[in-house]
Protein backbone atom coordinates (compact mmCIF):
# COMPACT_ATOMS: atom_id res chain seq x y z
CA UNK A 1 107.18 86.47 75.46
CA UNK A 2 105.83 89.33 77.54
CA UNK A 3 104.03 89.06 81.15
CA UNK A 4 102.62 92.03 82.29
CA UNK A 5 101.97 92.08 86.11
CA UNK A 6 99.43 94.08 87.83
CA UNK A 7 99.52 94.06 91.53
CA UNK A 8 96.14 95.25 92.05
CA UNK A 9 93.93 96.11 95.71
CA UNK A 10 90.32 98.29 95.86
CA UNK A 11 90.73 99.59 91.81
CA UNK A 12 87.51 100.00 90.81
CA UNK A 13 87.73 103.44 89.76
CA UNK A 14 91.03 102.06 87.58
CA UNK A 15 91.43 99.03 86.68
CA UNK A 16 89.26 99.09 84.18
CA UNK A 17 90.69 102.18 82.26
CA UNK A 18 93.98 100.00 82.30
CA UNK A 19 92.95 96.80 80.99
CA UNK A 20 90.74 98.81 78.01
CA UNK A 21 94.07 100.52 77.16
CA UNK A 22 95.80 97.40 77.02
CA UNK A 23 92.92 95.79 74.82
CA UNK A 24 93.58 98.79 72.61
CA UNK A 25 97.33 98.15 72.01
CA UNK A 26 98.75 97.50 68.42
CA UNK A 27 100.59 94.36 69.63
CA UNK A 28 99.96 91.56 67.86
CA UNK A 29 103.42 89.28 69.89
CA UNK A 30 102.94 86.34 72.46
CA UNK A 31 101.74 87.90 75.76
CA UNK A 32 99.77 87.44 79.14
CA UNK A 33 98.61 89.28 81.59
CA UNK A 34 99.46 88.55 85.44
CA UNK A 35 96.50 90.22 87.67
CA UNK A 36 97.11 89.58 92.02
CA UNK A 37 94.16 90.93 93.52
CA UNK A 38 95.03 91.92 97.41
CA UNK A 39 91.80 90.87 98.81
CA UNK A 40 89.87 93.51 97.00
CA UNK A 41 86.68 94.75 98.53
CA UNK A 42 84.78 96.27 95.94
CA UNK A 43 84.13 95.86 92.10
CA UNK A 44 87.54 95.29 91.40
CA UNK A 45 86.68 91.47 90.91
CA UNK A 46 83.94 92.00 88.92
CA UNK A 47 85.42 94.18 86.40
CA UNK A 48 88.47 91.95 85.45
CA UNK A 49 85.87 89.24 85.02
CA UNK A 50 84.17 91.23 82.26
CA UNK A 51 87.97 91.13 80.23
CA UNK A 52 88.66 87.41 80.48
CA UNK A 53 87.37 86.39 77.54
CA UNK A 54 88.54 89.48 75.54
CA UNK A 55 92.43 89.50 77.18
CA UNK A 56 95.02 86.80 77.92
CA UNK A 57 94.36 87.45 81.76
CA UNK A 58 95.47 84.99 84.47
CA UNK A 59 93.63 86.03 87.58
CA UNK A 60 94.65 85.29 91.21
CA UNK A 61 93.13 86.98 94.11
CA UNK A 62 93.77 86.39 98.09
CA UNK A 63 92.14 86.81 100.96
CA UNK A 64 94.54 89.66 102.59
CA UNK A 65 96.97 91.84 101.02
CA UNK A 66 100.25 90.00 100.16
CA UNK A 67 101.70 93.67 100.29
CA UNK A 68 103.71 95.08 96.89
CA UNK A 69 106.78 92.54 97.12
CA UNK A 70 105.26 89.50 97.72
CA UNK A 71 102.41 90.19 94.87
CA UNK A 72 105.25 90.93 92.75
CA UNK A 73 107.12 87.65 93.83
CA UNK A 74 103.83 85.76 93.65
CA UNK A 75 103.47 87.13 89.84
CA UNK A 76 106.72 86.27 88.94
CA UNK A 77 106.60 82.51 90.12
CA UNK A 78 103.44 82.45 87.62
CA UNK A 79 104.76 84.26 84.68
CA UNK A 80 105.73 82.46 81.63
CA UNK A 81 108.05 85.40 79.71
CA UNK A 82 110.87 86.56 79.11
CA UNK A 83 110.32 89.83 79.90
CA UNK A 84 108.01 90.97 82.82
CA UNK A 85 106.07 94.60 82.57
CA UNK A 86 105.36 95.80 86.43
CA UNK A 87 102.16 98.32 85.49
CA UNK A 88 100.46 99.49 88.76
CA UNK A 89 96.44 99.39 88.49
CA UNK A 90 96.30 103.40 87.92
CA UNK A 91 97.93 103.75 85.10
CA UNK A 92 97.29 103.62 81.03
CA UNK A 93 98.89 102.87 78.36
CA UNK A 94 98.64 104.98 75.33
CA UNK A 95 98.03 102.90 71.84
CA UNK A 96 101.65 101.94 70.82
CA UNK A 97 103.22 101.59 74.11
CA UNK A 98 103.77 97.78 74.03
CA UNK A 99 104.53 97.58 69.85
CA UNK A 100 107.39 100.24 70.63
CA UNK A 101 108.08 98.40 73.70
CA UNK A 102 108.54 94.84 71.58
CA UNK A 103 111.83 96.15 69.98
CA UNK A 104 113.78 95.98 72.92
CA UNK A 105 112.66 92.88 74.17
CA UNK A 106 115.79 90.85 73.09
CA UNK A 107 118.86 88.51 74.50
CA UNK A 108 120.92 91.99 74.59
CA UNK A 109 118.68 93.66 77.03
CA UNK A 110 118.60 90.83 79.82
CA UNK A 111 120.50 92.71 82.14
CA UNK A 112 119.17 96.03 82.32
CA UNK A 113 116.20 97.31 84.12
CA UNK A 114 114.13 99.74 81.99
CA UNK A 115 111.46 102.55 83.59
CA UNK A 116 109.00 103.90 81.31
CA UNK A 117 108.66 107.81 81.61
CA UNK A 118 105.90 108.56 83.70
CA UNK A 119 103.28 111.26 83.13
CA UNK A 120 100.60 112.74 85.36
CA UNK A 121 96.84 113.64 83.29
CA UNK A 122 97.60 117.04 83.68
CA UNK A 123 100.48 116.71 81.12
CA UNK A 124 103.00 117.21 83.96
CA UNK A 125 106.31 114.43 84.28
CA UNK A 126 105.87 112.07 87.30
CA UNK A 127 109.18 110.40 87.19
CA UNK A 128 111.75 110.04 84.46
CA UNK A 129 113.29 107.25 86.45
CA UNK A 130 114.97 108.06 90.14
CA UNK A 131 118.48 108.68 92.22
CA UNK A 132 118.74 108.62 96.06
CA UNK A 133 120.40 111.04 98.13
CA UNK A 134 122.78 109.86 100.63
CA UNK A 135 120.54 109.16 103.49
CA UNK A 136 118.47 106.86 100.89
CA UNK A 137 115.77 109.45 100.42
CA UNK A 138 114.21 109.21 96.70
CA UNK A 139 114.78 111.85 94.22
CA UNK A 140 112.26 111.82 91.07
CA UNK A 141 114.18 112.99 88.07
CA UNK A 142 112.22 116.03 85.41
CA UNK A 143 109.13 115.56 88.31
CA UNK A 144 106.66 118.59 87.54
CA UNK A 145 108.11 119.58 84.01
CA UNK A 146 106.05 119.33 81.17
CA UNK A 147 105.60 115.76 79.25
CA UNK A 148 107.09 117.45 76.16
CA UNK A 149 110.56 117.00 77.77
CA UNK A 150 111.77 113.95 76.44
CA UNK A 151 114.69 113.84 79.30
CA UNK A 152 116.81 112.35 76.71
CA UNK A 153 120.01 114.06 78.71
CA UNK A 154 118.73 111.14 81.52
CA UNK A 155 121.34 107.91 80.54
CA UNK A 156 121.80 105.71 83.21
CA UNK A 157 119.36 106.04 86.74
CA UNK A 158 119.64 104.51 90.17
CA UNK A 159 116.07 102.85 90.18
CA UNK A 160 113.12 102.25 87.84
CA UNK A 161 110.01 103.10 89.50
CA UNK A 162 107.54 100.02 89.74
CA UNK A 163 104.65 101.71 88.12
CA UNK A 164 106.14 101.03 85.05
CA UNK A 165 109.01 98.65 85.35
CA UNK A 166 110.61 96.37 82.70
CA UNK A 167 112.84 93.58 83.67
CA UNK A 168 113.76 90.39 82.20
CA UNK A 169 112.99 86.97 84.09
CA UNK A 170 116.32 85.81 83.72
CA UNK A 171 117.75 89.02 86.11
CA UNK A 172 114.80 88.77 88.68
CA UNK A 173 115.84 85.10 89.21
CA UNK A 174 119.59 85.75 89.28
CA UNK A 175 118.07 88.40 91.80
CA UNK A 176 116.03 86.12 93.55
CA UNK A 177 113.54 88.75 93.25
CA UNK A 178 112.11 90.97 95.02
CA UNK A 179 112.66 91.41 98.94
CA UNK A 180 109.43 90.49 100.86
CA UNK A 181 110.19 92.94 103.75
CA UNK A 182 108.92 95.53 101.36
CA UNK A 183 105.57 95.61 102.24
CA UNK A 184 104.99 99.13 100.14
CA UNK A 185 107.97 101.68 99.14
CA UNK A 186 111.33 100.62 98.03
CA UNK A 187 110.95 97.34 96.60
CA UNK A 188 111.82 98.98 92.98
CA UNK A 189 114.52 101.11 94.90
CA UNK A 190 115.73 97.76 96.54
CA UNK A 191 115.82 95.81 93.36
CA UNK A 192 117.58 98.24 90.82
CA UNK A 193 120.28 99.00 93.24
CA UNK A 194 121.07 95.29 93.69
CA UNK A 195 121.08 95.03 89.92
CA UNK A 196 123.31 98.10 89.91
CA UNK A 197 125.88 96.30 92.66
CA UNK A 198 126.29 93.59 90.28
CA UNK A 199 127.12 95.14 87.63
CA UNK A 200 123.80 95.71 85.27
CA UNK A 201 122.11 98.78 84.18
CA UNK A 202 119.05 100.73 85.28
CA UNK A 203 118.28 102.63 82.09
CA UNK A 204 114.98 105.37 81.56
CA UNK A 205 113.13 104.91 77.90
CA UNK A 206 111.72 108.14 77.23
CA UNK A 207 110.03 108.18 74.32
CA UNK A 208 107.21 105.49 76.01
CA UNK A 209 104.96 107.28 78.29
CA UNK A 210 102.39 106.01 80.63
CA UNK A 211 99.82 108.20 82.51
CA UNK A 212 100.38 107.54 86.16
CA UNK A 213 96.91 108.35 88.01
CA UNK A 214 98.27 107.84 91.68
CA UNK A 215 94.89 106.65 93.23
CA UNK A 216 96.67 103.71 95.26
CA UNK A 217 96.95 105.66 98.47
CA UNK A 218 93.87 106.64 101.11
CA UNK A 219 92.48 109.75 100.07
CA UNK A 220 92.04 110.90 103.92
CA UNK A 221 94.75 113.32 104.46
CA UNK A 222 96.05 112.03 107.84
CA UNK A 223 95.61 108.57 106.52
CA UNK A 224 98.12 109.06 103.90
CA UNK A 225 100.63 110.94 105.99
CA UNK A 226 100.48 108.13 108.43
CA UNK A 227 101.14 105.56 105.72
CA UNK A 228 103.43 107.50 103.57
CA UNK A 229 106.04 108.30 107.11
CA UNK A 230 105.61 105.04 108.26
CA UNK A 231 106.52 102.82 104.98
CA UNK A 232 108.84 105.74 103.62
CA UNK A 233 111.16 105.51 107.24
CA UNK A 234 110.87 102.12 107.48
CA UNK A 235 111.74 100.62 104.31
CA UNK A 236 114.41 103.16 103.79
CA UNK A 237 116.30 102.80 107.01
CA UNK A 238 115.83 98.79 106.53
CA UNK A 239 117.53 99.18 102.69
CA UNK A 240 120.26 101.45 103.90
CA UNK A 241 121.26 98.96 107.06
CA UNK A 242 121.03 96.10 104.22
CA UNK A 243 122.63 97.22 101.00
CA UNK A 244 125.54 99.80 102.09
CA UNK A 245 128.77 99.01 103.00
CA UNK A 246 130.07 99.36 106.33
CA UNK A 247 132.68 101.99 105.80
CA UNK A 248 129.68 103.67 104.25
CA UNK A 249 127.02 103.24 107.14
CA UNK A 250 130.03 104.71 109.64
CA UNK A 251 130.55 107.47 107.87
CA UNK A 252 126.71 108.14 106.87
CA UNK A 253 124.91 107.02 109.67
CA UNK A 254 125.07 109.77 112.36
CA UNK A 255 123.77 112.37 109.99
CA UNK A 256 120.92 109.47 108.90
CA UNK A 257 119.93 109.25 112.88
CA UNK A 258 120.13 113.57 113.06
CA UNK A 259 117.79 113.89 110.47
CA UNK A 260 115.61 111.45 111.63
CA UNK A 261 115.15 112.31 115.24
CA UNK A 262 115.05 115.84 113.78
CA UNK A 263 112.22 114.90 112.26
CA UNK A 264 110.39 113.53 115.41
CA UNK A 265 110.98 116.17 117.07
CA UNK A 266 110.13 118.70 113.99
CA UNK A 267 106.78 116.16 114.46
CA UNK A 268 106.14 117.67 118.04
CA UNK A 269 106.80 121.34 118.35
CA UNK A 270 106.89 122.64 114.72
CA UNK A 271 104.57 120.55 112.59
CA UNK A 272 102.43 119.46 116.33
CA UNK A 273 101.33 116.69 114.36
CA UNK A 274 102.12 113.40 117.06
CA UNK A 275 100.39 110.84 114.70
CA UNK A 276 103.41 111.24 112.79
CA UNK A 277 105.45 111.31 115.75
CA UNK A 278 104.31 108.08 116.76
CA UNK A 279 104.63 106.80 112.91
CA UNK A 280 108.24 107.24 113.08
CA UNK A 281 108.48 105.46 116.32
CA UNK A 282 106.61 102.18 114.53
CA UNK A 283 108.89 102.80 111.70
CA UNK A 284 112.02 103.19 114.15
CA UNK A 285 110.70 99.87 116.07
CA UNK A 286 110.30 97.86 113.06
CA UNK A 287 113.83 98.53 111.83
CA UNK A 288 115.32 97.09 115.10
CA UNK A 289 113.06 93.86 114.93
CA UNK A 290 114.17 93.45 111.14
CA UNK A 291 118.41 93.92 112.60
CA UNK A 292 118.86 90.03 112.87
CA UNK A 293 117.27 89.48 109.50
CA UNK A 294 119.66 92.13 108.03
CA UNK A 295 122.32 90.86 109.26
CA UNK A 296 121.84 87.65 107.82
CA UNK A 297 120.78 89.31 104.63
CA UNK A 298 124.08 91.46 104.81
CA UNK A 299 126.33 87.90 104.59
CA UNK A 300 125.40 87.44 101.24
CA UNK A 301 124.92 90.85 100.00
CA UNK A 302 127.43 92.08 97.66
CA UNK A 303 128.84 95.70 98.41
CA UNK A 304 130.64 98.14 95.91
CA UNK A 305 132.68 101.72 96.63
CA UNK A 306 129.44 103.90 97.24
CA UNK A 307 131.70 106.50 96.15
CA UNK A 308 131.75 105.43 92.12
CA UNK A 309 127.52 105.98 92.69
CA UNK A 310 128.46 109.30 94.11
CA UNK A 311 130.62 110.48 91.33
CA UNK A 312 128.21 109.03 88.90
CA UNK A 313 125.30 111.19 89.31
CA UNK A 314 123.13 108.28 91.25
CA UNK A 315 123.59 109.00 95.07
CA UNK A 316 123.47 112.99 95.64
CA UNK A 317 123.95 114.96 98.39
CA UNK A 318 120.76 115.75 101.00
């Protein structure tokens, strides 16, 4: 059985199109759709309820946002499928997507995380999977290239983008789900990296295409910049401090901090965006507040020689 998990919030412009694309699938295996609604104030609930009798939907609405990781964990607890397909609410599926996926829903793939290729409506690639650089910044593979590029040269990746991630319930249980501290961003990078540290693979499915709209962020440019800067910086530092070996951190933290404080200086002097400076200060304070928790989590974490991942090209130069 397949569980399709859709965390959502104020998605009246996109959720109907996604559900319609699932309804149009040439797929006859047993499946369920679990929608976690993070306090939508628009017509999201009304649109979803129109599909309740047309699709096997389980709909759970919360008064306030749980955040990305907690939304996914809530859905995992309710999921009955052996495999879980995580989708953002702003994607659509071409008609044979689930049929093609059914060929890999077997025990041989219990210990592999998969990403489906993401493509913008413009016909350009959004992501063929991701790597990280030595400072923890994400690197989307093939981003901006024509969708005709099948990414056949992309084999192992460091993380599968949560917008279209397939993973077994068995592996999720072993990893104890998503780290709830990832309210937004890096939840997918973290869980994939933890899988890799345990000897498992993260792979791209290059022949499966999902059209990704990118409609979840605020449309106001300033609000978008503040939100992205705060969450990307705070969760990047948290991700590094929690997951990387002491030896690696001792070697790389001077460079990490140099670029972090350098960005703060650029916010003030060159970009003249004090609101981004404040967002980075807020991010740093959040990470400092989490240091005791990071210390506790590191006691139970598995560490590997990051040089092996560098040799494989999964961690690249900044």
